[in-house]
Structures are given as structure tokens and as C-alpha cells.
Amino acid sequence: MSITKLSSREFSQDTGKAKKAAAKGPVFITDRGKPAHVLLSVEDYQRLTGGHRKIADALAM
């Protein structure tokens, strides 16, 4: 598992790169050098949550 860090600008300019990196591990997206968001593959998300939560439920929050 590899961890990738991208600035918000890098993320918005090349989302394909971020998606490819997320397939290999978490992608930390930074704002002004500080971690602001994390992009995960669905498989990693389900592993972390135990697979019990539906994506629709998470989005409704």
C-alpha cells in the first residue's frame, strides 16, 4: 500500500492520476499544505467500515 499526497490544484488538474493512485492506497489531498481530504477506493472504504454501511447512506449524511 502506498500513500500519495496531492495539492488541491494537482487533484483538480489531474483527477485520473488521483484515481490511479487511490487504487494503490489512500490519497491525501492538501489545502495550503495541510491535509484536508482523503480519497480511497471503494474496496478500502468498505474494509475500513466493515462493509456494513451503504454508500447511499454515507452520502445522505
N, C-alpha and C. Protein backbone atom coordinates (compact mmCIF):
# COMPACT_ATOMS: atom_id res chain seq x y z
N MET A 1 0.85 -1.18 0.00
CA MET A 1 0.00 0.00 0.00
C MET A 1 0.89 1.24 0.00
N SER A 2 0.62 2.12 -0.93
CA SER A 2 1.38 3.37 -0.98
C SER A 2 0.47 4.53 -0.63
N ILE A 3 1.03 5.56 -0.04
CA ILE A 3 0.30 6.77 0.32
C ILE A 3 0.75 7.88 -0.61
N THR A 4 -0.22 8.60 -1.17
CA THR A 4 0.08 9.68 -2.11
C THR A 4 -0.46 10.99 -1.54
N LYS A 5 0.29 12.07 -1.75
CA LYS A 5 -0.16 13.40 -1.36
C LYS A 5 -0.26 14.26 -2.62
N LEU A 6 -1.41 14.91 -2.78
CA LEU A 6 -1.62 15.82 -3.89
C LEU A 6 -2.18 17.13 -3.36
N SER A 7 -1.76 18.24 -3.94
CA SER A 7 -2.38 19.52 -3.58
C SER A 7 -3.76 19.57 -4.22
N SER A 8 -4.60 20.46 -3.75
CA SER A 8 -5.93 20.62 -4.34
C SER A 8 -5.81 20.97 -5.81
N ARG A 9 -4.83 21.77 -6.16
CA ARG A 9 -4.64 22.15 -7.56
C ARG A 9 -4.26 20.93 -8.41
N GLU A 10 -3.32 20.11 -7.92
CA GLU A 10 -2.93 18.90 -8.65
C GLU A 10 -4.14 17.98 -8.83
N PHE A 11 -4.94 17.85 -7.78
CA PHE A 11 -6.12 16.99 -7.83
C PHE A 11 -7.10 17.48 -8.89
N SER A 12 -7.38 18.77 -8.90
CA SER A 12 -8.36 19.30 -9.86
C SER A 12 -7.85 19.26 -11.30
N GLN A 13 -6.54 19.34 -11.48
CA GLN A 13 -5.98 19.31 -12.83
C GLN A 13 -5.81 17.90 -13.38
N ASP A 14 -5.71 16.91 -12.51
CA ASP A 14 -5.48 15.54 -12.99
C ASP A 14 -6.17 14.53 -12.07
N THR A 15 -7.50 14.46 -12.17
CA THR A 15 -8.23 13.53 -11.32
C THR A 15 -7.93 12.08 -11.68
N GLY A 16 -7.56 11.83 -12.94
CA GLY A 16 -7.20 10.48 -13.35
C GLY A 16 -6.00 9.96 -12.58
N LYS A 17 -5.03 10.83 -12.37
CA LYS A 17 -3.83 10.47 -11.59
C LYS A 17 -4.23 10.11 -10.16
N ALA A 18 -5.16 10.89 -9.60
CA ALA A 18 -5.61 10.63 -8.23
C ALA A 18 -6.34 9.29 -8.14
N LYS A 19 -7.18 8.99 -9.13
CA LYS A 19 -7.91 7.72 -9.11
C LYS A 19 -6.95 6.54 -9.25
N LYS A 20 -5.96 6.66 -10.10
CA LYS A 20 -4.98 5.58 -10.24
C LYS A 20 -4.21 5.38 -8.94
N ALA A 21 -3.83 6.49 -8.29
CA ALA A 21 -3.10 6.40 -7.03
C ALA A 21 -3.97 5.78 -5.93
N ALA A 22 -5.27 6.10 -5.93
CA ALA A 22 -6.18 5.56 -4.90
C ALA A 22 -6.34 4.05 -5.03
N ALA A 23 -6.11 3.52 -6.22
CA ALA A 23 -6.16 2.06 -6.39
C ALA A 23 -5.01 1.38 -5.67
N LYS A 24 -3.94 2.13 -5.38
CA LYS A 24 -2.76 1.58 -4.72
C LYS A 24 -2.71 1.92 -3.23
N GLY A 25 -3.54 2.87 -2.79
CA GLY A 25 -3.54 3.28 -1.39
C GLY A 25 -4.21 4.63 -1.25
N PRO A 26 -4.32 5.14 -0.02
CA PRO A 26 -5.01 6.41 0.21
C PRO A 26 -4.28 7.59 -0.46
N VAL A 27 -5.09 8.56 -0.88
CA VAL A 27 -4.56 9.79 -1.47
C VAL A 27 -4.97 10.94 -0.57
N PHE A 28 -3.99 11.61 0.01
CA PHE A 28 -4.25 12.78 0.84
C PHE A 28 -4.24 14.01 -0.04
N ILE A 29 -5.33 14.78 0.01
CA ILE A 29 -5.45 16.00 -0.77
C ILE A 29 -5.28 17.16 0.20
N THR A 30 -4.34 18.04 -0.12
CA THR A 30 -3.98 19.10 0.80
C THR A 30 -4.51 20.45 0.34
N ASP A 31 -4.81 21.30 1.30
CA ASP A 31 -5.12 22.71 1.08
C ASP A 31 -4.08 23.51 1.83
N ARG A 32 -3.33 24.30 1.09
CA ARG A 32 -2.27 25.13 1.67
C ARG A 32 -1.30 24.30 2.51
N GLY A 33 -1.00 23.10 2.01
CA GLY A 33 -0.01 22.25 2.65
C GLY A 33 -0.52 21.39 3.79
N LYS A 34 -1.78 21.55 4.16
CA LYS A 34 -2.34 20.77 5.27
C LYS A 34 -3.34 19.75 4.72
N PRO A 35 -3.31 18.51 5.22
CA PRO A 35 -4.26 17.50 4.75
C PRO A 35 -5.70 17.98 4.97
N ALA A 36 -6.52 17.89 3.93
CA ALA A 36 -7.91 18.33 4.01
C ALA A 36 -8.90 17.22 3.70
N HIS A 37 -8.51 16.30 2.79
CA HIS A 37 -9.40 15.23 2.36
C HIS A 37 -8.58 13.98 2.09
N VAL A 38 -9.28 12.84 2.08
CA VAL A 38 -8.64 11.57 1.74
C VAL A 38 -9.50 10.87 0.70
N LEU A 39 -8.87 10.44 -0.37
CA LEU A 39 -9.54 9.69 -1.43
C LEU A 39 -9.16 8.22 -1.27
N LEU A 40 -10.19 7.36 -1.21
CA LEU A 40 -9.99 5.92 -1.05
C LEU A 40 -10.72 5.18 -2.15
N SER A 41 -10.24 4.00 -2.48
CA SER A 41 -11.00 3.12 -3.35
C SER A 41 -12.21 2.62 -2.56
N VAL A 42 -13.24 2.18 -3.27
CA VAL A 42 -14.43 1.64 -2.61
C VAL A 42 -14.05 0.44 -1.76
N GLU A 43 -13.14 -0.38 -2.26
CA GLU A 43 -12.73 -1.57 -1.51
C GLU A 43 -12.07 -1.19 -0.18
N ASP A 44 -11.20 -0.19 -0.20
CA ASP A 44 -10.55 0.26 1.04
C ASP A 44 -11.58 0.85 1.99
N TYR A 45 -12.51 1.63 1.45
CA TYR A 45 -13.56 2.22 2.29
C TYR A 45 -14.39 1.14 2.96
N GLN A 46 -14.80 0.14 2.19
CA GLN A 46 -15.60 -0.94 2.76
C GLN A 46 -14.83 -1.73 3.80
N ARG A 47 -13.53 -1.92 3.56
CA ARG A 47 -12.71 -2.64 4.53
C ARG A 47 -12.64 -1.84 5.84
N LEU A 48 -12.49 -0.54 5.74
CA LEU A 48 -12.41 0.30 6.94
C LEU A 48 -13.72 0.36 7.71
N THR A 49 -14.83 0.36 6.99
CA THR A 49 -16.13 0.48 7.65
C THR A 49 -16.76 -0.87 7.95
N GLY A 50 -16.10 -1.92 7.58
CA GLY A 50 -16.64 -3.25 7.81
C GLY A 50 -17.66 -3.65 6.76
N GLY A 51 -17.82 -2.81 5.73
CA GLY A 51 -18.73 -3.14 4.65
C GLY A 51 -20.20 -3.09 5.00
N HIS A 52 -20.54 -2.58 6.19
CA HIS A 52 -21.93 -2.57 6.63
C HIS A 52 -22.70 -1.35 6.15
N ARG A 53 -21.99 -0.28 5.88
CA ARG A 53 -22.65 0.96 5.51
C ARG A 53 -22.80 1.03 3.99
N LYS A 54 -23.95 1.41 3.55
CA LYS A 54 -24.18 1.59 2.12
C LYS A 54 -23.68 2.98 1.72
N ILE A 55 -23.16 3.09 0.52
CA ILE A 55 -22.66 4.38 0.05
C ILE A 55 -23.77 5.42 0.05
N ALA A 56 -24.96 5.03 -0.31
CA ALA A 56 -26.10 5.97 -0.32
C ALA A 56 -26.34 6.52 1.08
N ASP A 57 -26.18 5.68 2.11
CA ASP A 57 -26.34 6.14 3.50
C ASP A 57 -25.26 7.15 3.85
N ALA A 58 -24.03 6.89 3.42
CA ALA A 58 -22.92 7.81 3.72
C ALA A 58 -23.13 9.13 3.02
N LEU A 59 -23.61 9.10 1.78
CA LEU A 59 -23.83 10.33 1.05
C LEU A 59 -24.99 11.14 1.61
N ALA A 60 -25.94 10.47 2.22
CA ALA A 60 -27.10 11.16 2.79
C ALA A 60 -26.76 11.92 4.07
N MET A 61 -25.63 11.60 4.66
CA MET A 61 -25.24 12.26 5.92
C MET A 61 -24.95 13.70 5.75
